[in-house]
Amino acid sequence: MRQKVPKQGAIASGFSIEVELQISLPGLPREQAQALVEQAHIVCPYSNATRNNIDVTLTLI
């Protein structure tokens, strides 16, 4: 998994941060890998801690 440098910028109420996680799962069919990524995002402690606070994009590469 790679993390791109987060984008930051001013918004009306202050500042915002967003992050893109680039995930590679070699050997798994793409549909199975995508389902695994989506399920992991639901239970991931990092995702739970930042949910609704930071825009997160999950990209399967």
N, C-alpha and C. Protein backbone atom coordinates (compact mmCIF):
# COMPACT_ATOMS: atom_id res chain seq x y z
N MET A 1 0.85 -1.15 0.00
CA MET A 1 0.00 0.00 0.00
C MET A 1 0.90 1.22 0.00
N ARG A 2 0.53 2.21 -0.81
CA ARG A 2 1.24 3.48 -0.84
C ARG A 2 0.26 4.58 -0.48
N GLN A 3 0.78 5.59 0.14
CA GLN A 3 -0.05 6.74 0.48
C GLN A 3 0.49 7.93 -0.27
N LYS A 4 -0.37 8.59 -1.04
CA LYS A 4 0.04 9.81 -1.73
C LYS A 4 0.07 10.95 -0.73
N VAL A 5 0.88 11.93 -1.03
CA VAL A 5 0.95 13.10 -0.17
C VAL A 5 -0.43 13.72 -0.06
N PRO A 6 -0.91 13.92 1.16
CA PRO A 6 -2.25 14.47 1.31
C PRO A 6 -2.36 15.87 0.74
N LYS A 7 -3.50 16.15 0.18
CA LYS A 7 -3.79 17.49 -0.30
C LYS A 7 -4.38 18.28 0.86
N GLN A 8 -4.01 19.52 0.94
CA GLN A 8 -4.53 20.38 1.99
C GLN A 8 -4.96 21.69 1.34
N GLY A 9 -5.91 22.34 1.93
CA GLY A 9 -6.31 23.62 1.40
C GLY A 9 -7.37 24.28 2.24
N ALA A 10 -7.52 25.57 2.00
CA ALA A 10 -8.50 26.34 2.75
C ALA A 10 -9.91 26.04 2.28
N ILE A 11 -10.83 25.97 3.22
CA ILE A 11 -12.25 25.88 2.94
C ILE A 11 -12.94 26.94 3.79
N ALA A 12 -14.21 27.16 3.59
CA ALA A 12 -14.93 28.22 4.28
C ALA A 12 -14.81 28.15 5.80
N SER A 13 -14.78 26.93 6.35
CA SER A 13 -14.75 26.77 7.80
C SER A 13 -13.36 26.49 8.36
N GLY A 14 -12.31 26.62 7.56
CA GLY A 14 -10.96 26.37 8.04
C GLY A 14 -10.12 25.69 6.99
N PHE A 15 -9.58 24.51 7.30
CA PHE A 15 -8.74 23.76 6.37
C PHE A 15 -9.27 22.35 6.22
N SER A 16 -8.89 21.73 5.12
CA SER A 16 -9.29 20.34 4.89
C SER A 16 -8.07 19.52 4.51
N ILE A 17 -8.17 18.23 4.74
CA ILE A 17 -7.12 17.28 4.37
C ILE A 17 -7.82 16.12 3.66
N GLU A 18 -7.16 15.63 2.62
CA GLU A 18 -7.65 14.42 1.98
C GLU A 18 -6.45 13.54 1.67
N VAL A 19 -6.71 12.24 1.58
CA VAL A 19 -5.63 11.28 1.34
C VAL A 19 -6.11 10.24 0.33
N GLU A 20 -5.18 9.76 -0.48
CA GLU A 20 -5.47 8.66 -1.39
C GLU A 20 -4.56 7.50 -1.01
N LEU A 21 -5.15 6.36 -0.72
CA LEU A 21 -4.39 5.14 -0.45
C LEU A 21 -4.39 4.30 -1.71
N GLN A 22 -3.21 3.98 -2.20
CA GLN A 22 -3.07 3.16 -3.40
C GLN A 22 -2.71 1.75 -2.94
N ILE A 23 -3.60 0.82 -3.23
CA ILE A 23 -3.48 -0.54 -2.71
C ILE A 23 -3.18 -1.51 -3.85
N SER A 24 -2.19 -2.36 -3.63
CA SER A 24 -1.83 -3.39 -4.60
C SER A 24 -2.00 -4.75 -3.94
N LEU A 25 -2.76 -5.62 -4.56
CA LEU A 25 -2.96 -6.99 -4.06
C LEU A 25 -2.65 -7.97 -5.19
N PRO A 26 -1.38 -8.17 -5.47
CA PRO A 26 -1.01 -9.06 -6.57
C PRO A 26 -1.52 -10.48 -6.35
N GLY A 27 -1.95 -11.09 -7.43
CA GLY A 27 -2.40 -12.47 -7.36
C GLY A 27 -3.89 -12.63 -7.10
N LEU A 28 -4.57 -11.55 -6.71
CA LEU A 28 -6.02 -11.63 -6.49
C LEU A 28 -6.75 -11.09 -7.71
N PRO A 29 -7.82 -11.73 -8.11
CA PRO A 29 -8.64 -11.15 -9.18
C PRO A 29 -9.12 -9.75 -8.75
N ARG A 30 -9.20 -8.84 -9.70
CA ARG A 30 -9.53 -7.45 -9.39
C ARG A 30 -10.83 -7.32 -8.60
N GLU A 31 -11.87 -8.03 -8.97
CA GLU A 31 -13.15 -7.93 -8.27
C GLU A 31 -13.03 -8.38 -6.81
N GLN A 32 -12.29 -9.45 -6.59
CA GLN A 32 -12.07 -9.96 -5.23
C GLN A 32 -11.23 -8.96 -4.43
N ALA A 33 -10.20 -8.40 -5.06
CA ALA A 33 -9.34 -7.42 -4.39
C ALA A 33 -10.14 -6.18 -4.01
N GLN A 34 -11.00 -5.70 -4.91
CA GLN A 34 -11.81 -4.51 -4.62
C GLN A 34 -12.75 -4.77 -3.45
N ALA A 35 -13.37 -5.94 -3.43
CA ALA A 35 -14.27 -6.29 -2.32
C ALA A 35 -13.50 -6.34 -1.00
N LEU A 36 -12.30 -6.91 -1.01
CA LEU A 36 -11.48 -6.98 0.19
C LEU A 36 -11.10 -5.58 0.69
N VAL A 37 -10.72 -4.69 -0.22
CA VAL A 37 -10.36 -3.32 0.13
C VAL A 37 -11.55 -2.61 0.78
N GLU A 38 -12.72 -2.75 0.18
CA GLU A 38 -13.92 -2.10 0.72
C GLU A 38 -14.27 -2.63 2.10
N GLN A 39 -14.15 -3.95 2.30
CA GLN A 39 -14.46 -4.53 3.60
C GLN A 39 -13.43 -4.11 4.65
N ALA A 40 -12.16 -4.06 4.25
CA ALA A 40 -11.11 -3.65 5.18
C ALA A 40 -11.29 -2.20 5.61
N HIS A 41 -11.75 -1.36 4.69
CA HIS A 41 -11.96 0.06 5.01
C HIS A 41 -13.04 0.22 6.09
N ILE A 42 -13.98 -0.67 6.13
CA ILE A 42 -15.06 -0.61 7.12
C ILE A 42 -14.53 -0.89 8.53
N VAL A 43 -13.60 -1.83 8.67
CA VAL A 43 -13.12 -2.23 10.00
C VAL A 43 -11.76 -1.65 10.39
N CYS A 44 -11.10 -0.98 9.49
CA CYS A 44 -9.77 -0.43 9.74
C CYS A 44 -9.81 0.65 10.83
N PRO A 45 -8.98 0.53 11.86
CA PRO A 45 -8.97 1.54 12.93
C PRO A 45 -8.66 2.95 12.41
N TYR A 46 -7.74 3.06 11.45
CA TYR A 46 -7.42 4.36 10.86
C TYR A 46 -8.65 4.94 10.16
N SER A 47 -9.32 4.11 9.38
CA SER A 47 -10.52 4.57 8.68
C SER A 47 -11.61 4.99 9.65
N ASN A 48 -11.78 4.22 10.72
CA ASN A 48 -12.80 4.56 11.71
C ASN A 48 -12.46 5.86 12.43
N ALA A 49 -11.19 6.08 12.71
CA ALA A 49 -10.78 7.29 13.43
C ALA A 49 -10.94 8.54 12.58
N THR A 50 -10.80 8.40 11.26
CA THR A 50 -10.84 9.58 10.39
C THR A 50 -12.15 9.72 9.62
N ARG A 51 -13.03 8.76 9.75
CA ARG A 51 -14.29 8.78 8.99
C ARG A 51 -15.05 10.08 9.27
N ASN A 52 -15.50 10.72 8.20
CA ASN A 52 -16.24 11.99 8.23
C ASN A 52 -15.38 13.17 8.66
N ASN A 53 -14.07 12.98 8.83
CA ASN A 53 -13.16 14.07 9.16
C ASN A 53 -12.16 14.34 8.04
N ILE A 54 -11.77 13.29 7.34
CA ILE A 54 -10.79 13.38 6.26
C ILE A 54 -11.36 12.64 5.05
N ASP A 55 -11.27 13.26 3.89
CA ASP A 55 -11.70 12.59 2.66
C ASP A 55 -10.66 11.55 2.29
N VAL A 56 -11.07 10.28 2.18
CA VAL A 56 -10.17 9.19 1.86
C VAL A 56 -10.62 8.55 0.56
N THR A 57 -9.66 8.41 -0.37
CA THR A 57 -9.92 7.72 -1.63
C THR A 57 -9.09 6.44 -1.63
N LEU A 58 -9.75 5.32 -1.88
CA LEU A 58 -9.06 4.03 -1.96
C LEU A 58 -8.92 3.67 -3.43
N THR A 59 -7.68 3.50 -3.90
CA THR A 59 -7.42 3.21 -5.29
C THR A 59 -6.70 1.88 -5.40
N LEU A 60 -7.31 0.95 -6.09
CA LEU A 60 -6.69 -0.34 -6.33
C LEU A 60 -5.79 -0.20 -7.55
N ILE A 61 -4.50 -0.50 -7.35
CA ILE A 61 -3.55 -0.36 -8.46
C ILE A 61 -3.03 -1.71 -8.90
